[in-house]
C-alpha cells in the first residue's frame, strides 16, 4: 500500500465538481483508492461518501492506494490532487 498526504488548496474544498472528477479518475485506475480526513474514510469511487466527509480548504487528507499498479496509480492521484484540489 502506498499513501500520501495532501492539504486542500481549493477555495471551496471538495465540492461536487472536483469530487465527481475524483470518482471518475479513481474508477479508471487499477487500484483501490481510499480518502481519509478528519477521522473519516471513504472509497474514492463513491461520490456521496466523499462529499459527506465535508472536506474544506486547509484540511489535510490522506490518500491510500492499494493493489493493482500502486506506483502509477499513486502518481496519477498525486497529479490529480495537485491540479484540481
N, C-alpha and C. Protein backbone atom coordinates (compact mmCIF):
# COMPACT_ATOMS: atom_id res chain seq x y z
N UNK A 1 0.83 -1.18 0.00
CA UNK A 1 0.00 0.00 0.00
C UNK A 1 0.88 1.25 0.00
N UNK A 2 0.49 2.21 -0.79
CA UNK A 2 1.19 3.50 -0.84
C UNK A 2 0.23 4.57 -0.35
N UNK A 3 0.77 5.56 0.36
CA UNK A 3 -0.07 6.66 0.83
C UNK A 3 0.66 7.98 0.61
N UNK A 4 -0.13 9.05 0.55
CA UNK A 4 0.44 10.39 0.58
C UNK A 4 -0.57 11.32 1.22
N UNK A 5 -0.06 12.40 1.80
CA UNK A 5 -0.91 13.41 2.42
C UNK A 5 -0.97 14.63 1.51
N UNK A 6 -2.11 15.29 1.54
CA UNK A 6 -2.29 16.48 0.72
C UNK A 6 -3.17 17.47 1.47
N UNK A 7 -2.81 18.74 1.43
CA UNK A 7 -3.62 19.79 2.05
C UNK A 7 -4.44 20.46 0.95
N UNK A 8 -5.75 20.48 1.13
CA UNK A 8 -6.67 21.01 0.12
C UNK A 8 -6.45 22.51 -0.05
N UNK A 9 -6.25 22.93 -1.29
CA UNK A 9 -5.99 24.34 -1.60
C UNK A 9 -7.18 25.01 -2.29
N UNK A 10 -8.12 24.22 -2.82
CA UNK A 10 -9.30 24.78 -3.49
C UNK A 10 -10.10 25.62 -2.49
N UNK A 11 -10.48 26.82 -2.89
CA UNK A 11 -11.21 27.74 -2.01
C UNK A 11 -12.49 27.14 -1.44
N UNK A 12 -13.18 26.32 -2.21
CA UNK A 12 -14.47 25.75 -1.80
C UNK A 12 -14.30 24.38 -1.16
N UNK A 13 -13.12 23.79 -1.26
CA UNK A 13 -12.90 22.45 -0.73
C UNK A 13 -13.30 21.40 -1.74
N UNK A 14 -13.65 20.22 -1.25
CA UNK A 14 -14.03 19.14 -2.15
C UNK A 14 -15.54 19.20 -2.39
N UNK A 15 -15.93 20.05 -3.34
CA UNK A 15 -17.34 20.20 -3.68
C UNK A 15 -17.69 19.25 -4.83
N UNK A 16 -18.89 19.35 -5.35
CA UNK A 16 -19.42 18.37 -6.30
C UNK A 16 -18.56 18.15 -7.54
N UNK A 17 -18.11 19.22 -8.18
CA UNK A 17 -17.37 19.04 -9.43
C UNK A 17 -16.04 18.30 -9.24
N UNK A 18 -15.14 18.77 -8.34
CA UNK A 18 -13.90 18.01 -8.18
C UNK A 18 -14.11 16.62 -7.59
N UNK A 19 -15.12 16.46 -6.74
CA UNK A 19 -15.40 15.13 -6.19
C UNK A 19 -15.83 14.19 -7.30
N UNK A 20 -16.67 14.67 -8.22
CA UNK A 20 -17.09 13.86 -9.37
C UNK A 20 -15.92 13.50 -10.26
N UNK A 21 -15.02 14.45 -10.47
CA UNK A 21 -13.83 14.19 -11.28
C UNK A 21 -12.93 13.16 -10.59
N UNK A 22 -12.84 13.25 -9.26
CA UNK A 22 -12.03 12.30 -8.49
C UNK A 22 -12.59 10.89 -8.63
N UNK A 23 -13.91 10.76 -8.53
CA UNK A 23 -14.55 9.45 -8.68
C UNK A 23 -14.23 8.86 -10.05
N UNK A 24 -14.35 9.68 -11.08
CA UNK A 24 -14.07 9.22 -12.45
C UNK A 24 -12.62 8.77 -12.58
N UNK A 25 -11.71 9.54 -12.03
CA UNK A 25 -10.27 9.21 -12.08
C UNK A 25 -10.00 7.91 -11.32
N UNK A 26 -10.59 7.77 -10.13
CA UNK A 26 -10.36 6.58 -9.30
C UNK A 26 -10.90 5.33 -9.97
N UNK A 27 -12.06 5.43 -10.62
CA UNK A 27 -12.64 4.27 -11.30
C UNK A 27 -11.79 3.82 -12.48
N UNK A 28 -11.04 4.74 -13.08
CA UNK A 28 -10.22 4.41 -14.24
C UNK A 28 -8.93 3.69 -13.84
N UNK A 29 -8.58 3.74 -12.56
CA UNK A 29 -7.33 3.13 -12.12
C UNK A 29 -7.55 1.68 -11.69
N UNK A 30 -6.45 0.93 -11.67
CA UNK A 30 -6.49 -0.49 -11.35
C UNK A 30 -6.38 -0.75 -9.85
N UNK A 31 -6.24 0.30 -9.05
CA UNK A 31 -6.05 0.15 -7.61
C UNK A 31 -7.27 0.63 -6.84
N UNK A 32 -7.35 0.20 -5.57
CA UNK A 32 -8.40 0.69 -4.67
C UNK A 32 -7.87 1.95 -4.02
N UNK A 33 -8.63 3.05 -4.13
CA UNK A 33 -8.21 4.34 -3.59
C UNK A 33 -9.12 4.68 -2.40
N UNK A 34 -8.52 5.01 -1.27
CA UNK A 34 -9.28 5.40 -0.08
C UNK A 34 -8.82 6.78 0.36
N UNK A 35 -9.79 7.66 0.61
CA UNK A 35 -9.51 9.02 1.07
C UNK A 35 -9.88 9.10 2.55
N UNK A 36 -8.97 9.61 3.37
CA UNK A 36 -9.22 9.76 4.81
C UNK A 36 -8.97 11.20 5.21
N UNK A 37 -9.88 11.74 6.05
CA UNK A 37 -9.72 13.09 6.58
C UNK A 37 -10.63 13.26 7.77
N UNK A 38 -10.17 14.02 8.75
CA UNK A 38 -10.99 14.37 9.93
C UNK A 38 -11.61 13.14 10.59
N UNK A 39 -10.86 12.04 10.66
CA UNK A 39 -11.33 10.84 11.33
C UNK A 39 -12.31 10.00 10.52
N UNK A 40 -12.54 10.35 9.26
CA UNK A 40 -13.45 9.59 8.40
C UNK A 40 -12.68 9.07 7.20
N UNK A 41 -13.19 7.98 6.62
CA UNK A 41 -12.60 7.42 5.40
C UNK A 41 -13.70 7.11 4.40
N UNK A 42 -13.35 7.18 3.11
CA UNK A 42 -14.32 6.87 2.07
C UNK A 42 -13.60 6.28 0.87
N UNK A 43 -14.27 5.36 0.20
CA UNK A 43 -13.80 4.81 -1.06
C UNK A 43 -13.89 5.94 -2.09
N UNK A 44 -12.82 6.16 -2.83
CA UNK A 44 -12.77 7.27 -3.79
C UNK A 44 -13.70 7.08 -4.98
N UNK A 45 -14.34 5.92 -5.09
CA UNK A 45 -15.28 5.73 -6.20
C UNK A 45 -16.72 6.02 -5.78
N UNK A 46 -16.92 6.49 -4.54
CA UNK A 46 -18.27 6.75 -4.03
C UNK A 46 -18.47 8.25 -3.81
N UNK A 47 -19.14 8.89 -4.75
CA UNK A 47 -19.31 10.34 -4.74
C UNK A 47 -19.95 10.86 -3.45
N UNK A 48 -21.07 10.29 -3.06
CA UNK A 48 -21.77 10.81 -1.89
C UNK A 48 -20.96 10.62 -0.61
N UNK A 49 -20.21 9.54 -0.53
CA UNK A 49 -19.35 9.31 0.64
C UNK A 49 -18.26 10.39 0.71
N UNK A 50 -17.68 10.72 -0.45
CA UNK A 50 -16.65 11.76 -0.48
C UNK A 50 -17.22 13.12 -0.08
N UNK A 51 -18.35 13.47 -0.64
CA UNK A 51 -18.95 14.76 -0.33
C UNK A 51 -19.42 14.82 1.12
N UNK A 52 -19.83 13.70 1.68
CA UNK A 52 -20.28 13.63 3.06
C UNK A 52 -19.17 13.83 4.07
N UNK A 53 -17.93 13.77 3.63
CA UNK A 53 -16.80 13.97 4.53
C UNK A 53 -16.63 15.45 4.90
N UNK A 54 -17.19 16.35 4.11
CA UNK A 54 -17.11 17.78 4.41
C UNK A 54 -15.70 18.34 4.38
N UNK A 55 -14.92 17.96 3.39
CA UNK A 55 -13.53 18.40 3.30
C UNK A 55 -13.49 19.84 2.79
N UNK A 56 -12.83 20.70 3.56
CA UNK A 56 -12.74 22.14 3.26
C UNK A 56 -11.30 22.53 2.95
N UNK A 57 -11.14 23.78 2.49
CA UNK A 57 -9.80 24.31 2.23
C UNK A 57 -8.98 24.26 3.52
N UNK A 58 -7.74 23.82 3.41
CA UNK A 58 -6.85 23.72 4.55
C UNK A 58 -6.88 22.38 5.27
N UNK A 59 -7.88 21.54 4.96
CA UNK A 59 -7.95 20.21 5.56
C UNK A 59 -6.87 19.32 4.96
N UNK A 60 -6.27 18.47 5.79
CA UNK A 60 -5.29 17.50 5.29
C UNK A 60 -6.00 16.18 5.04
N UNK A 61 -5.80 15.65 3.84
CA UNK A 61 -6.37 14.35 3.50
C UNK A 61 -5.23 13.37 3.29
N UNK A 62 -5.49 12.10 3.59
CA UNK A 62 -4.55 11.03 3.32
C UNK A 62 -5.15 10.17 2.23
N UNK A 63 -4.39 9.94 1.19
CA UNK A 63 -4.83 9.11 0.07
C UNK A 63 -4.06 7.81 0.13
N UNK A 64 -4.79 6.69 0.23
CA UNK A 64 -4.18 5.36 0.27
C UNK A 64 -4.49 4.64 -1.03
N UNK A 65 -3.46 4.07 -1.63
CA UNK A 65 -3.58 3.35 -2.89
C UNK A 65 -3.15 1.91 -2.63
N UNK A 66 -4.04 0.96 -2.95
CA UNK A 66 -3.78 -0.43 -2.63
C UNK A 66 -4.10 -1.33 -3.81
N UNK A 67 -3.21 -2.28 -4.09
CA UNK A 67 -3.44 -3.27 -5.14
C UNK A 67 -3.21 -2.70 -6.53
N UNK A 68 -3.30 -3.59 -7.51
CA UNK A 68 -3.10 -3.16 -8.90
C UNK A 68 -1.70 -2.59 -9.07
N UNK A 69 -1.58 -1.59 -9.90
CA UNK A 69 -0.29 -0.94 -10.13
C UNK A 69 -0.20 0.27 -9.21
N UNK A 70 0.23 0.04 -7.98
CA UNK A 70 0.22 1.08 -6.95
C UNK A 70 1.06 2.29 -7.31
N UNK A 71 2.23 2.08 -7.91
CA UNK A 71 3.12 3.21 -8.22
C UNK A 71 2.47 4.18 -9.20
N UNK A 72 1.97 3.67 -10.31
CA UNK A 72 1.38 4.57 -11.30
C UNK A 72 0.05 5.14 -10.82
N UNK A 73 -0.72 4.36 -10.06
CA UNK A 73 -1.99 4.86 -9.53
C UNK A 73 -1.75 5.97 -8.52
N UNK A 74 -0.75 5.80 -7.67
CA UNK A 74 -0.42 6.82 -6.67
C UNK A 74 0.05 8.10 -7.36
N UNK A 75 0.88 7.96 -8.38
CA UNK A 75 1.35 9.12 -9.13
C UNK A 75 0.19 9.84 -9.81
N UNK A 76 -0.74 9.08 -10.37
CA UNK A 76 -1.91 9.68 -11.02
C UNK A 76 -2.77 10.44 -10.02
N UNK A 77 -2.94 9.89 -8.82
CA UNK A 77 -3.74 10.55 -7.78
C UNK A 77 -3.05 11.83 -7.30
N UNK A 78 -1.73 11.78 -7.11
CA UNK A 78 -0.99 12.98 -6.70
C UNK A 78 -1.17 14.09 -7.72
N UNK A 79 -1.02 13.74 -8.99
CA UNK A 79 -1.19 14.72 -10.06
C UNK A 79 -2.60 15.28 -10.05
N UNK A 80 -3.61 14.41 -9.89
CA UNK A 80 -4.99 14.87 -9.86
C UNK A 80 -5.22 15.87 -8.73
N UNK A 81 -4.75 15.54 -7.53
CA UNK A 81 -4.96 16.44 -6.39
C UNK A 81 -4.26 17.78 -6.60
N UNK A 82 -3.03 17.75 -7.11
CA UNK A 82 -2.29 18.99 -7.33
C UNK A 82 -2.96 19.88 -8.38
N UNK A 83 -3.55 19.28 -9.40
CA UNK A 83 -4.17 20.05 -10.48
C UNK A 83 -5.59 20.49 -10.17
N UNK A 84 -6.32 19.76 -9.31
CA UNK A 84 -7.74 20.03 -9.12
C UNK A 84 -8.16 20.42 -7.72
N UNK A 85 -7.38 20.12 -6.73
CA UNK A 85 -7.78 20.41 -5.35
C UNK A 85 -6.69 21.19 -4.61
